[in-house]
């Protein structure tokens, strides 16, 4: 992903309401994966679709 796509993926994750610290910590891990290019935009979309 290029930087613009990374930012878009992070914005998608941050737009989800979190109710617990555990959920928030999971999002931080995913953000690290996005920044380290370990996840694609499709994988982020699939994660959001499957979990919310």
Protein backbone atom coordinates (compact mmCIF):
# COMPACT_ATOMS: atom_id res chain seq x y z
CA UNK A 1 0.00 0.00 0.00
CA UNK A 2 1.15 3.52 -0.60
CA UNK A 3 0.99 6.14 2.16
CA UNK A 4 -2.43 7.41 1.06
CA UNK A 5 -3.89 3.90 1.22
CA UNK A 6 -2.30 3.30 4.62
CA UNK A 7 -3.90 6.49 5.95
CA UNK A 8 -7.29 5.49 4.54
CA UNK A 9 -7.05 2.04 6.16
CA UNK A 10 -6.13 3.57 9.54
CA UNK A 11 -9.04 6.03 9.29
CA UNK A 12 -11.42 3.11 8.68
CA UNK A 13 -10.20 1.38 11.83
CA UNK A 14 -10.39 4.53 13.93
CA UNK A 15 -13.97 5.20 12.81
CA UNK A 16 -15.12 2.05 14.62
CA UNK A 17 -16.39 2.69 18.15
CA UNK A 18 -14.34 0.81 20.72
CA UNK A 19 -15.82 -0.16 24.05
CA UNK A 20 -12.88 -1.82 25.70
CA UNK A 21 -9.15 -1.45 26.02
CA UNK A 22 -8.70 -4.94 24.57
CA UNK A 23 -10.42 -3.90 21.32
CA UNK A 24 -8.38 -0.71 21.18
CA UNK A 25 -5.14 -2.66 21.70
CA UNK A 26 -6.11 -4.93 18.82
CA UNK A 27 -6.59 -1.91 16.56
CA UNK A 28 -3.15 -0.61 17.50
CA UNK A 29 -1.68 -3.94 16.43
CA UNK A 30 -3.49 -3.75 13.11
CA UNK A 31 -2.30 -0.17 12.59
CA UNK A 32 1.27 -1.38 13.11
CA UNK A 33 0.68 -4.11 10.52
CA UNK A 34 -0.65 -1.52 8.06
CA UNK A 35 2.32 0.78 8.58
CA UNK A 36 4.77 -2.13 8.28
CA UNK A 37 3.01 -3.18 5.05
CA UNK A 38 1.97 -6.53 6.51
CA UNK A 39 -1.69 -5.95 5.57
CA UNK A 40 -3.30 -4.91 2.31
CA UNK A 41 -6.37 -2.69 1.96
CA UNK A 42 -8.40 -5.80 1.05
CA UNK A 43 -7.28 -7.50 4.26
CA UNK A 44 -8.28 -4.42 6.29
CA UNK A 45 -11.69 -4.31 4.58
CA UNK A 46 -12.16 -8.05 5.17
CA UNK A 47 -11.23 -7.66 8.86
CA UNK A 48 -13.74 -4.84 9.33
CA UNK A 49 -16.47 -6.72 7.43
CA UNK A 50 -15.91 -9.96 9.35
CA UNK A 51 -15.68 -8.39 12.81
CA UNK A 52 -18.22 -5.55 12.77
